[in-house]
Amino acid sequence: METVCIPYQSTTFFSDLIADYLDQKDSLKPFYAFSPDENGLKAAIAQRKQMATDRATLVQVLKKQYEGYAVHPKVTANIESLLDENTFTVCTAHQPNLMTGYLYFIYKIIHAAKLARHLESLSTAERFVPVFYIGSEDNDLEELGVFRFNGIRFRWQTEQKGAVGRMSAKDLQPLLGQLMAQVGPPGPFADRLKEIILHAYSKENTIAAATRYLVNELLGAFGVVVLDPDDAALKRAFLPVLKEELLQPKSFDLVKAPSDALNEQYKAQAFARPINLFYLRDDIRERIEKTSTGWKVVRTEIHWNESELIAELEQHPERFSPNVILRGLYQETILPDVAFIGGGSEVAYWLQLKPVFDHYKIFYPAVILRQSVLWIDKASYALQQKIGLGNEELFEPAEQLVRSFVNKHTNKDLQLEDMRTQMIRVFDQIKAKATHIDVTLKSSAEAALTKMRHQLDTIEKKMMRAEKRNMAEQLNQIYKLKNKLFPNGSLQERYDTFMPYYLERGPAFFEDLMTATLPLGNEFLLLREV
């Protein structure tokens, strides 16, 4: 593999907010605690040592969740090490998308493993454990139940409701049959991939358990620890925040100031509510709202007065689920994190949350933009070289590339700019003469100029289209390359799953990613087969 790095800002796929965050613009510094670099992480580690975590409960829960799994020795050692006050975590999080959903699911986990390894190389006094935090309480099945493979869009049809992580894989079996027919054989790694998937999504498993199994089988060799936060013992540690959010909610007001400030120049990512909690049962995950007589769960008949609510909370903390405003707060309560790795939207909403962390005196970690990667296979790289496209040009829209290619390689003059300038000069003379005769003719002259401009634009476009037809073979190669590397105009990592890459390369796919990933590089990776 050959690695090329380009600035995120050069790709056009990242917002101004992310670009300014990576550039550490002064205007954004009040919105976070630690800079996303080595110095920031060293400061985060020093401060994290001063804050306690219930490590015993965390390790107990992890051991319970891993019962029955063939756990890699590195994972076992990492779980045990969490009892040590000098062990810290590097966390990334995602919902339990079927088959991992998208490539970036894999990228963010490997980034966490690479950053943990990098931090250990800087110090012999501390240990760092990569943690994948399953967003198992998410109920957006429309998003989590869809993935693509082999040009086919697979969608899970189920009547189950509530948190996707709690759903049973029992009615996933018809979809698995369709998928297995596409996976193969042939293919050197087809049988192994089928074995992993079928074991993960066996009818006895929940989707959260299936996700843990997948990550453990695919990435356990890197020591990645998978945590499902949907657990009563873990929620009990978050009880003070849950209680205050219900009885004397503060988060809505705390998020308002940073959100308003960010909206002055950017766009705030997360939307806060007066109560930022859901009520969670096996078949529901609905918002909790305050009423004139107590509290209710929307779209249900569930209602409490204050004493009933407190009793429910204390007896069943696992039934209360934080939304986007409080999810990170819960994560940092139960994990000894020094860094959180997230995508662009995650980084953006974390910038709204610092006052909430400050209010509850919960550690706010260094927030790191996850690694983005573009895989370029041999055929695509050969085509890129044949067309003569630079690495940053790959990210330009197809039509812009086509126009640039035509203008660069044509031997004809396709521009009418000189004629346009001459025309404007002539029409200025016409307008002056007409206005001199009758001032009301000025608007007629201007309208005629506008019409002629439009006609010239039309002719110019027709000339370009004609030359495109003359170069159709070369231009089709540009479209072919763009469709391969940017399917549907999106980043490859937001469209493909890991499966076709695993089928071709097997575990080497993950090993190559681990080698190439930049722990703190803040650059987009192009990985080319050579």
Protein backbone atom coordinates (compact mmCIF):
# COMPACT_ATOMS: atom_id res chain seq x y z
CA MET A 1 0.00 0.00 0.00
CA GLU A 2 1.10 3.55 -0.69
CA THR A 3 -0.10 6.34 1.59
CA VAL A 4 -0.80 9.94 0.60
CA CYS A 5 -2.06 12.60 3.02
CA ILE A 6 -3.98 15.71 2.06
CA PRO A 7 -5.49 18.42 4.30
CA TYR A 8 -9.14 17.89 5.22
CA GLN A 9 -9.75 21.47 4.14
CA SER A 10 -8.75 20.58 0.56
CA THR A 11 -11.44 17.92 0.17
CA THR A 12 -14.52 20.22 0.33
CA PHE A 13 -16.33 17.50 2.31
CA PHE A 14 -15.78 19.11 5.73
CA SER A 15 -17.50 22.15 7.22
CA ASP A 16 -15.90 25.48 8.06
CA LEU A 17 -16.41 24.62 11.73
CA ILE A 18 -14.27 21.49 11.43
CA ALA A 19 -11.63 23.30 9.38
CA ASP A 20 -11.39 26.05 11.99
CA TYR A 21 -11.31 23.50 14.82
CA LEU A 22 -8.40 21.68 13.22
CA ASP A 23 -6.66 25.01 12.67
CA GLN A 24 -7.30 25.80 16.36
CA LYS A 25 -8.80 29.20 15.62
CA ASP A 26 -8.88 31.41 18.70
CA SER A 27 -12.63 32.00 18.32
CA LEU A 28 -13.33 28.30 19.00
CA LYS A 29 -11.01 27.75 21.95
CA PRO A 30 -13.65 28.64 24.59
CA PHE A 31 -15.76 25.72 23.34
CA TYR A 32 -13.37 22.90 24.29
CA ALA A 33 -10.95 21.96 27.06
CA PHE A 34 -7.93 20.48 25.26
CA SER A 35 -6.44 21.09 21.83
CA PRO A 36 -6.64 18.11 19.42
CA ASP A 37 -2.89 17.53 19.41
CA GLU A 38 -0.15 15.95 21.48
CA ASN A 39 0.13 18.88 23.88
CA GLY A 40 -3.61 18.84 24.44
CA LEU A 41 -3.59 15.13 25.19
CA LYS A 42 -0.72 15.45 27.65
CA ALA A 43 -2.72 18.11 29.50
CA ALA A 44 -5.84 15.92 29.37
CA ILE A 45 -3.97 12.98 30.89
CA ALA A 46 -2.61 15.13 33.70
CA GLN A 47 -6.08 16.45 34.57
CA ARG A 48 -7.81 13.08 34.17
CA LYS A 49 -5.64 11.64 36.92
CA GLN A 50 -7.33 13.98 39.37
CA MET A 51 -10.84 12.63 38.66
CA ALA A 52 -12.20 9.31 39.90
CA THR A 53 -14.03 6.61 37.95
CA ASP A 54 -15.82 3.58 39.37
CA ARG A 55 -13.36 1.18 37.79
CA ALA A 56 -14.52 -1.88 39.72
CA THR A 57 -18.08 -1.59 38.37
CA LEU A 58 -16.80 -0.91 34.85
CA VAL A 59 -14.61 -4.01 34.84
CA GLN A 60 -17.35 -6.13 36.39
CA VAL A 61 -19.81 -5.06 33.69
CA LEU A 62 -17.29 -5.67 30.89
CA LYS A 63 -16.52 -9.16 32.15
CA LYS A 64 -20.23 -9.94 32.30
CA GLN A 65 -20.77 -8.62 28.77
CA TYR A 66 -17.88 -10.69 27.38
CA GLU A 67 -19.07 -13.98 28.91
CA GLY A 68 -19.21 -16.69 26.26
CA TYR A 69 -16.93 -14.85 23.82
CA ALA A 70 -13.56 -16.06 22.55
CA VAL A 71 -11.74 -13.00 23.82
CA HIS A 72 -8.34 -12.04 22.42
CA PRO A 73 -5.64 -11.99 25.12
CA LYS A 74 -5.01 -8.30 24.42
CA VAL A 75 -8.65 -7.51 25.15
CA THR A 76 -8.59 -9.54 28.36
CA ALA A 77 -5.43 -7.78 29.49
CA ASN A 78 -6.90 -4.38 28.66
CA ILE A 79 -10.07 -5.07 30.65
CA GLU A 80 -8.05 -6.16 33.69
CA SER A 81 -5.80 -3.11 33.37
CA LEU A 82 -8.79 -0.78 33.79
CA LEU A 83 -8.66 -1.48 37.53
CA ASP A 84 -5.35 0.39 37.62
CA GLU A 85 -5.59 4.13 38.35
CA ASN A 86 -2.90 4.75 35.71
CA THR A 87 -4.91 3.15 32.91
CA PHE A 88 -7.02 5.47 30.75
CA THR A 89 -9.29 5.00 27.77
CA VAL A 90 -9.44 6.36 24.24
CA CYS A 91 -13.08 6.11 23.27
CA THR A 92 -15.04 6.16 20.06
CA ALA A 93 -18.76 5.51 19.74
CA HIS A 94 -21.30 4.49 17.15
CA GLN A 95 -24.74 2.97 16.88
CA PRO A 96 -25.06 -0.78 16.19
CA ASN A 97 -25.55 -0.53 12.42
CA LEU A 98 -26.18 -3.88 10.77
CA MET A 99 -22.91 -5.29 9.37
CA THR A 100 -21.28 -2.13 10.81
CA GLY A 101 -23.16 -0.04 8.23
CA TYR A 102 -20.32 2.01 6.76
CA LEU A 103 -16.55 1.93 6.44
CA TYR A 104 -16.12 4.82 8.85
CA PHE A 105 -17.47 2.56 11.63
CA ILE A 106 -14.24 0.58 11.23
CA TYR A 107 -12.06 3.66 10.70
CA LYS A 108 -13.03 5.31 13.97
CA ILE A 109 -12.37 2.16 16.00
CA ILE A 110 -8.96 1.62 14.40
CA HIS A 111 -8.18 5.30 15.01
CA ALA A 112 -8.92 4.80 18.72
CA ALA A 113 -6.59 1.79 18.78
CA LYS A 114 -3.85 3.70 16.96
CA LEU A 115 -4.11 6.72 19.26
CA ALA A 116 -4.01 4.48 22.34
CA ARG A 117 -0.86 2.82 20.98
CA HIS A 118 0.67 6.23 20.23
CA LEU A 119 -0.01 7.54 23.73
CA GLU A 120 1.60 4.45 25.25
CA SER A 121 4.70 5.12 23.15
CA LEU A 122 5.01 8.54 24.82
CA SER A 123 4.92 7.27 28.39
CA THR A 124 5.86 4.22 30.42
CA ALA A 125 3.82 5.36 33.42
CA GLU A 126 0.34 5.08 31.90
CA ARG A 127 -1.58 2.52 29.89
CA PHE A 128 -4.22 3.38 27.30
CA VAL A 129 -7.10 1.17 26.25
CA PRO A 130 -9.14 1.67 23.05
CA VAL A 131 -12.87 1.42 23.79
CA PHE A 132 -15.74 1.09 21.34
CA TYR A 133 -18.88 2.43 23.03
CA ILE A 134 -21.99 0.94 21.38
CA GLY A 135 -24.81 3.45 20.96
CA SER A 136 -27.16 0.55 21.62
CA GLU A 137 -30.02 2.69 22.93
CA ASP A 138 -30.54 4.47 19.59
CA ASN A 139 -33.96 3.68 18.10
CA ASP A 140 -33.44 4.90 14.52
CA LEU A 141 -33.98 1.62 12.71
CA GLU A 142 -34.45 3.45 9.40
CA GLU A 143 -30.76 4.35 9.56
CA LEU A 144 -29.31 1.42 11.50
CA GLY A 145 -31.15 -1.33 9.62
CA VAL A 146 -29.77 -0.45 6.18
CA PHE A 147 -26.47 -1.31 4.48
CA ARG A 148 -25.15 -1.83 0.95
CA PHE A 149 -23.17 -4.68 -0.53
CA ASN A 150 -22.44 -5.72 -4.11
CA GLY A 151 -24.58 -2.89 -5.45
CA ILE A 152 -27.59 -4.08 -3.42
CA ARG A 153 -29.29 -2.05 -0.70
CA PHE A 154 -30.28 -4.36 2.14
CA ARG A 155 -32.97 -3.25 4.58
CA TRP A 156 -34.11 -5.09 7.69
CA GLN A 157 -37.89 -5.48 7.79
CA THR A 158 -39.01 -6.00 11.38
CA GLU A 159 -41.95 -5.12 13.59
CA GLN A 160 -39.70 -4.70 16.63
CA LYS A 161 -39.69 -1.30 18.33
CA GLY A 162 -37.52 0.55 20.80
CA ALA A 163 -33.74 0.56 21.20
CA VAL A 164 -32.10 -1.20 18.26
CA GLY A 165 -29.40 -2.70 20.48
CA ARG A 166 -32.05 -4.59 22.46
CA MET A 167 -33.75 -6.00 19.35
CA SER A 168 -33.48 -9.71 18.63
CA ALA A 169 -31.75 -10.96 15.49
CA LYS A 170 -34.36 -13.71 15.15
CA ASP A 171 -36.24 -12.11 12.25
CA LEU A 172 -33.02 -11.04 10.53
CA GLN A 173 -32.52 -14.54 9.12
CA PRO A 174 -34.19 -13.98 5.68
CA LEU A 175 -31.96 -10.96 5.07
CA LEU A 176 -28.91 -12.98 6.12
CA GLY A 177 -29.80 -15.64 3.57
CA GLN A 178 -29.88 -13.04 0.80
CA LEU A 179 -26.58 -11.56 1.98
CA MET A 180 -24.80 -14.91 2.20
CA ALA A 181 -25.69 -15.63 -1.43
CA GLN A 182 -23.84 -12.44 -2.39
CA VAL A 183 -20.81 -12.94 -0.14
CA GLY A 184 -19.66 -16.08 -1.94
CA PRO A 185 -17.70 -18.26 -2.42
CA PRO A 186 -15.62 -17.83 -4.52
CA GLY A 187 -13.17 -15.67 -2.62
CA PRO A 188 -10.35 -16.61 -0.23
CA PHE A 189 -12.04 -14.99 2.78
CA ALA A 190 -15.71 -15.60 1.93
CA ASP A 191 -16.16 -18.60 4.22
CA ARG A 192 -14.58 -16.81 7.17
CA LEU A 193 -16.70 -13.70 6.66
CA LYS A 194 -19.88 -15.79 6.44
CA GLU A 195 -18.93 -17.63 9.61
CA ILE A 196 -18.40 -14.36 11.51
CA ILE A 197 -21.65 -12.78 10.30
CA LEU A 198 -23.84 -15.83 10.88
CA HIS A 199 -22.45 -16.35 14.37
CA ALA A 200 -22.83 -12.66 15.23
CA TYR A 201 -26.45 -12.44 14.07
CA SER A 202 -27.60 -15.84 15.29
CA LYS A 203 -31.26 -15.81 16.32
CA GLU A 204 -30.36 -15.96 20.03
CA ASN A 205 -28.40 -12.69 19.94
CA THR A 206 -29.47 -9.10 20.36
CA ILE A 207 -28.15 -6.54 17.88
CA ALA A 208 -25.87 -5.10 20.57
CA ALA A 209 -24.42 -8.56 21.26
CA ALA A 210 -23.98 -9.13 17.52
CA THR A 211 -22.11 -5.84 17.20
CA ARG A 212 -19.84 -6.73 20.11
CA TYR A 213 -19.09 -10.09 18.49
CA LEU A 214 -18.29 -8.49 15.12
CA VAL A 215 -15.92 -5.92 16.59
CA ASN A 216 -14.29 -8.53 18.81
CA GLU A 217 -13.70 -10.92 15.91
CA LEU A 218 -12.52 -8.30 13.44
CA LEU A 219 -10.58 -5.91 15.67
CA GLY A 220 -9.91 -7.75 18.92
CA ALA A 221 -6.28 -8.27 17.87
CA PHE A 222 -5.79 -4.53 18.40
CA GLY A 223 -7.00 -4.79 22.00
CA VAL A 224 -10.29 -3.00 21.34
CA VAL A 225 -12.70 -3.30 24.28
CA VAL A 226 -16.41 -3.09 23.44
CA LEU A 227 -18.74 -1.53 26.01
CA ASP A 228 -22.54 -1.57 25.90
CA PRO A 229 -23.64 1.29 28.19
CA ASP A 230 -27.21 -0.06 28.39
CA ASP A 231 -26.61 -1.50 31.84
CA ALA A 232 -28.27 -0.87 35.20
CA ALA A 233 -25.01 -0.88 37.19
CA LEU A 234 -23.44 1.70 34.89
CA LYS A 235 -26.57 3.87 34.84
CA ARG A 236 -26.56 3.91 38.65
CA ALA A 237 -23.29 5.86 38.56
CA PHE A 238 -25.12 8.46 36.44
CA LEU A 239 -28.07 8.69 38.84
CA PRO A 240 -27.32 12.21 40.19
CA VAL A 241 -27.34 13.67 36.67
CA LEU A 242 -30.49 11.76 35.72
CA LYS A 243 -32.28 12.97 38.83
CA GLU A 244 -31.34 16.61 38.35
CA GLU A 245 -32.26 16.49 34.67
CA LEU A 246 -35.74 15.31 35.63
CA LEU A 247 -36.42 17.40 38.73
CA GLN A 248 -34.37 20.57 38.13
CA PRO A 249 -33.21 20.40 34.50
CA LYS A 250 -30.19 22.51 33.64
CA SER A 251 -28.80 21.14 30.37
CA PHE A 252 -31.23 23.02 28.10
CA ASP A 253 -30.13 26.40 29.45
CA LEU A 254 -26.47 25.40 29.67
CA VAL A 255 -26.32 24.41 26.00
CA LYS A 256 -28.10 27.55 24.79
CA ALA A 257 -25.19 30.00 25.11
CA PRO A 258 -22.57 27.97 23.19
CA SER A 259 -25.18 26.96 20.60
CA ASP A 260 -26.17 30.58 20.01
CA ALA A 261 -22.52 31.62 19.80
CA LEU A 262 -21.69 28.87 17.31
CA ASN A 263 -24.74 29.74 15.21
CA GLU A 264 -23.39 33.24 14.68
CA GLN A 265 -20.73 31.85 12.33
CA TYR A 266 -21.46 28.15 11.86
CA LYS A 267 -24.39 25.83 12.50
CA ALA A 268 -24.97 24.18 15.86
CA GLN A 269 -25.27 20.43 15.35
CA ALA A 270 -27.33 19.24 18.33
CA PHE A 271 -30.81 20.30 19.41
CA ALA A 272 -31.49 20.50 23.15
CA ARG A 273 -34.86 19.90 24.80
CA PRO A 274 -36.17 20.99 28.21
CA ILE A 275 -35.57 17.39 29.38
CA ASN A 276 -32.83 15.55 27.47
CA LEU A 277 -33.81 12.03 28.43
CA PHE A 278 -35.75 9.16 26.90
CA TYR A 279 -37.69 6.48 28.73
CA LEU A 280 -36.46 3.07 27.66
CA ARG A 281 -38.26 -0.25 27.81
CA ASP A 282 -37.86 -3.28 25.58
CA ASP A 283 -40.40 -1.99 23.07
CA ILE A 284 -40.20 1.79 23.48
CA ARG A 285 -37.71 4.63 23.59
CA GLU A 286 -39.67 7.86 23.85
CA ARG A 287 -39.02 11.34 25.19
CA ILE A 288 -39.89 12.35 28.74
CA GLU A 289 -41.77 15.63 29.11
CA LYS A 290 -42.86 17.71 32.09
CA THR A 291 -46.59 18.24 32.47
CA SER A 292 -48.73 20.34 34.78
CA THR A 293 -49.28 17.32 37.03
CA GLY A 294 -45.92 15.55 36.77
CA TRP A 295 -44.04 13.84 33.95
CA LYS A 296 -45.14 11.79 30.96
CA VAL A 297 -43.59 9.59 28.28
CA VAL A 298 -44.75 10.90 24.90
CA ARG A 299 -46.85 8.61 22.70
CA THR A 300 -47.60 6.34 25.68
CA GLU A 301 -49.94 6.28 28.69
CA ILE A 302 -47.00 6.36 31.13
CA HIS A 303 -47.21 9.20 33.65
CA TRP A 304 -45.63 9.85 37.07
CA ASN A 305 -45.90 12.27 39.94
CA GLU A 306 -42.65 13.23 41.66
CA SER A 307 -42.50 10.39 44.18
CA GLU A 308 -43.40 7.82 41.52
CA LEU A 309 -40.73 9.19 39.17
CA ILE A 310 -38.02 9.09 41.84
CA ALA A 311 -38.98 5.53 42.76
CA GLU A 312 -38.86 4.44 39.12
CA LEU A 313 -35.50 6.12 38.62
CA GLU A 314 -33.89 4.62 41.71
CA GLN A 315 -35.28 1.14 41.11
CA HIS A 316 -34.68 1.09 37.34
CA PRO A 317 -32.00 3.59 36.25
CA GLU A 318 -31.49 1.49 33.10
CA ARG A 319 -34.89 2.72 31.89
CA PHE A 320 -33.62 6.28 31.51
CA SER A 321 -31.63 6.96 28.37
CA PRO A 322 -29.67 10.16 27.63
CA ASN A 323 -30.14 11.89 24.30
CA VAL A 324 -27.34 13.55 22.31
CA ILE A 325 -26.94 16.36 24.87
CA LEU A 326 -26.26 14.02 27.80
CA ARG A 327 -24.88 10.92 26.05
CA GLY A 328 -21.29 12.15 26.17
CA LEU A 329 -21.72 13.13 29.80
CA TYR A 330 -22.78 9.57 30.63
CA GLN A 331 -19.87 8.16 28.64
CA GLU A 332 -17.35 10.27 30.53
CA THR A 333 -18.94 9.33 33.86
CA ILE A 334 -18.37 5.61 33.38
CA LEU A 335 -15.07 5.63 31.46
CA PRO A 336 -11.63 7.00 32.43
CA ASP A 337 -11.38 8.74 29.06
CA VAL A 338 -8.64 11.11 28.00
CA ALA A 339 -9.80 11.37 24.38
CA PHE A 340 -12.96 10.92 22.36
CA ILE A 341 -12.71 10.24 18.62
CA GLY A 342 -15.67 11.26 16.50
CA GLY A 343 -16.74 12.26 13.02
CA GLY A 344 -17.36 15.82 11.89
CA SER A 345 -20.91 16.00 13.25
CA GLU A 346 -19.82 14.51 16.58
CA VAL A 347 -16.97 17.01 16.97
CA ALA A 348 -19.44 19.78 16.14
CA TYR A 349 -21.97 18.85 18.82
CA TRP A 350 -19.30 18.24 21.47
CA LEU A 351 -18.38 21.91 21.04
CA GLN A 352 -21.85 22.76 22.39
CA LEU A 353 -21.50 20.68 25.54
CA LYS A 354 -18.63 22.05 27.62
CA PRO A 355 -20.85 24.11 29.99
CA VAL A 356 -22.84 20.95 30.81
CA PHE A 357 -19.64 19.10 31.72
CA ASP A 358 -18.46 22.07 33.77
CA HIS A 359 -21.75 22.25 35.67
CA TYR A 360 -21.64 18.58 36.68
CA LYS A 361 -17.86 18.62 37.23
CA ILE A 362 -17.40 15.76 34.79
CA PHE A 363 -14.20 15.49 32.78
CA TYR A 364 -14.38 16.88 29.24
CA PRO A 365 -11.86 14.91 27.12
CA ALA A 366 -9.72 15.91 24.17
CA VAL A 367 -11.99 15.66 21.13
CA ILE A 368 -10.26 14.25 18.05
CA LEU A 369 -11.62 14.16 14.49
CA ARG A 370 -11.66 10.55 13.32
CA GLN A 371 -9.48 9.39 10.46
CA SER A 372 -11.03 9.56 6.99
CA VAL A 373 -9.73 7.24 4.28
CA LEU A 374 -10.13 6.81 0.53
CA TRP A 375 -9.15 3.37 -0.80
CA ILE A 376 -7.83 3.49 -4.37
CA ASP A 377 -7.47 0.08 -5.98
CA LYS A 378 -4.91 -0.65 -8.70
CA ALA A 379 -7.34 -0.17 -11.57
CA SER A 380 -8.59 3.16 -10.20
CA TYR A 381 -5.06 4.41 -9.58
CA ALA A 382 -4.05 3.47 -13.14
CA LEU A 383 -7.09 5.35 -14.42
CA GLN A 384 -6.26 8.37 -12.26
CA GLN A 385 -2.76 8.47 -13.73
CA LYS A 386 -4.04 7.99 -17.28
CA ILE A 387 -6.49 10.88 -16.93
CA GLY A 388 -3.85 12.98 -15.20
CA LEU A 389 -5.78 13.90 -12.06
CA GLY A 390 -3.97 15.14 -8.96
CA ASN A 391 -4.87 13.75 -5.55
CA GLU A 392 -6.83 16.81 -4.44
CA GLU A 393 -8.59 16.99 -7.82
CA LEU A 394 -10.18 13.62 -7.05
CA PHE A 395 -12.43 15.38 -4.55
CA GLU A 396 -13.76 17.93 -7.05
CA PRO A 397 -17.28 17.44 -8.49
CA ALA A 398 -17.35 15.30 -11.63
CA GLU A 399 -18.71 18.08 -13.84
CA GLN A 400 -15.97 20.44 -12.69
CA LEU A 401 -13.35 17.80 -13.52
CA VAL A 402 -14.91 17.21 -16.92
CA ARG A 403 -14.95 20.90 -17.76
CA SER A 404 -11.34 21.31 -16.64
CA PHE A 405 -10.30 18.26 -18.67
CA VAL A 406 -12.01 19.55 -21.82
CA ASN A 407 -10.52 23.04 -21.47
CA LYS A 408 -7.07 21.54 -20.86
CA HIS A 409 -7.07 19.08 -23.77
CA THR A 410 -9.11 20.79 -26.48
CA ASN A 411 -7.41 22.52 -29.39
CA LYS A 412 -10.46 24.72 -29.91
CA ASP A 413 -11.38 28.01 -28.29
CA LEU A 414 -14.52 27.29 -26.26
CA GLN A 415 -14.64 30.62 -24.44
CA LEU A 416 -16.69 33.60 -25.61
CA GLU A 417 -15.42 35.98 -22.96
CA ASP A 418 -13.75 38.34 -25.47
CA MET A 419 -16.95 38.51 -27.52
CA ARG A 420 -18.95 39.03 -24.34
CA THR A 421 -16.76 42.03 -23.44
CA GLN A 422 -17.09 43.48 -26.94
CA MET A 423 -20.85 42.96 -26.85
CA ILE A 424 -21.17 44.82 -23.54
CA ARG A 425 -19.13 47.70 -24.97
CA VAL A 426 -21.39 47.90 -28.04
CA PHE A 427 -24.55 47.73 -25.94
CA ASP A 428 -23.25 50.49 -23.66
CA GLN A 429 -22.96 52.68 -26.77
CA ILE A 430 -26.43 51.64 -27.92
CA LYS A 431 -27.88 52.37 -24.49
CA ALA A 432 -26.24 55.79 -24.39
CA LYS A 433 -27.54 56.71 -27.85
CA ALA A 434 -31.05 55.42 -27.10
CA THR A 435 -31.21 57.19 -23.74
CA HIS A 436 -30.09 60.42 -25.38
CA ILE A 437 -33.10 60.21 -27.67
CA ASP A 438 -35.60 59.03 -25.02
CA VAL A 439 -34.70 58.15 -21.42
CA THR A 440 -37.44 55.48 -21.34
CA LEU A 441 -35.46 53.46 -23.92
CA LYS A 442 -32.73 52.75 -21.34
CA SER A 443 -34.61 49.77 -19.87
CA SER A 444 -35.22 48.35 -23.37
CA ALA A 445 -31.50 48.49 -24.13
CA GLU A 446 -30.64 46.82 -20.80
CA ALA A 447 -33.22 44.08 -21.44
CA ALA A 448 -31.72 43.44 -24.86
CA LEU A 449 -28.26 43.13 -23.31
CA THR A 450 -29.55 40.65 -20.72
CA LYS A 451 -31.15 38.60 -23.49
CA MET A 452 -27.95 38.60 -25.54
CA ARG A 453 -25.90 37.57 -22.52
CA HIS A 454 -28.23 34.63 -21.98
CA GLN A 455 -27.95 33.65 -25.66
CA LEU A 456 -24.15 33.81 -25.51
CA ASP A 457 -24.17 31.64 -22.39
CA THR A 458 -26.38 29.13 -24.20
CA ILE A 459 -24.08 29.04 -27.23
CA GLU A 460 -21.03 28.62 -24.99
CA LYS A 461 -22.68 25.69 -23.21
CA LYS A 462 -23.57 24.08 -26.55
CA MET A 463 -19.96 24.45 -27.70
CA MET A 464 -18.79 22.76 -24.49
CA ARG A 465 -21.35 19.95 -24.91
CA ALA A 466 -20.24 19.39 -28.50
CA GLU A 467 -16.59 19.14 -27.47
CA LYS A 468 -17.58 16.80 -24.64
CA ARG A 469 -19.16 14.51 -27.24
CA ASN A 470 -15.89 14.58 -29.17
CA MET A 471 -14.07 13.49 -25.98
CA ALA A 472 -16.75 11.09 -24.76
CA GLU A 473 -14.40 8.14 -24.29
CA GLN A 474 -11.97 10.06 -22.06
CA LEU A 475 -14.76 11.78 -20.13
CA ASN A 476 -16.52 8.49 -19.44
CA GLN A 477 -13.32 7.40 -17.72
CA ILE A 478 -13.60 10.40 -15.39
CA TYR A 479 -17.20 9.50 -14.53
CA LYS A 480 -16.20 5.87 -14.02
CA LEU A 481 -13.40 6.86 -11.64
CA LYS A 482 -15.60 9.27 -9.68
CA ASN A 483 -18.40 6.73 -9.35
CA LYS A 484 -15.95 4.12 -8.10
CA LEU A 485 -14.25 6.34 -5.51
CA PHE A 486 -17.23 8.55 -4.62
CA PRO A 487 -20.39 6.44 -5.08
CA ASN A 488 -23.52 8.58 -5.40
CA GLY A 489 -21.28 11.63 -4.99
CA SER A 490 -20.55 10.80 -1.35
CA LEU A 491 -17.38 9.81 0.41
CA GLN A 492 -16.58 6.13 -0.08
CA GLU A 493 -16.49 5.68 3.71
CA ARG A 494 -20.09 6.86 3.96
CA TYR A 495 -21.39 4.40 1.37
CA ASP A 496 -19.50 1.10 1.43
CA THR A 497 -19.33 -1.46 4.21
CA PHE A 498 -16.08 -3.19 5.16
CA MET A 499 -17.21 -6.45 3.54
CA PRO A 500 -15.89 -6.12 -0.05
CA TYR A 501 -12.51 -4.98 1.29
CA TYR A 502 -12.36 -7.88 3.76
CA LEU A 503 -13.31 -10.36 1.04
CA GLU A 504 -10.37 -9.16 -1.03
CA ARG A 505 -7.75 -8.66 1.68
CA GLY A 506 -8.95 -10.45 4.81
CA PRO A 507 -7.39 -9.33 8.12
CA ALA A 508 -4.69 -7.49 6.13
CA PHE A 509 -7.35 -4.85 5.41
CA PHE A 510 -7.45 -3.91 9.09
CA GLU A 511 -3.70 -4.27 9.54
CA ASP A 512 -3.01 -1.91 6.62
CA LEU A 513 -5.46 0.58 8.10
CA MET A 514 -3.79 0.35 11.50
CA THR A 515 -0.39 1.00 9.94
CA ALA A 516 -1.55 3.95 7.86
CA THR A 517 -3.88 5.70 10.34
CA LEU A 518 -2.50 8.95 11.72
CA PRO A 519 -3.05 9.17 15.48
CA LEU A 520 -2.98 12.97 15.45
CA GLY A 521 -2.27 13.87 11.83
CA ASN A 522 -5.55 15.64 11.06
CA GLU A 523 -5.23 14.75 7.37
CA PHE A 524 -7.30 12.74 4.92
CA LEU A 525 -5.64 9.45 3.97
CA LEU A 526 -5.47 8.11 0.43
CA LEU A 527 -4.45 4.43 0.45
CA ARG A 528 -3.37 3.20 -2.96
CA GLU A 529 -2.70 -0.34 -4.10
CA VAL A 530 0.56 -0.38 -6.02
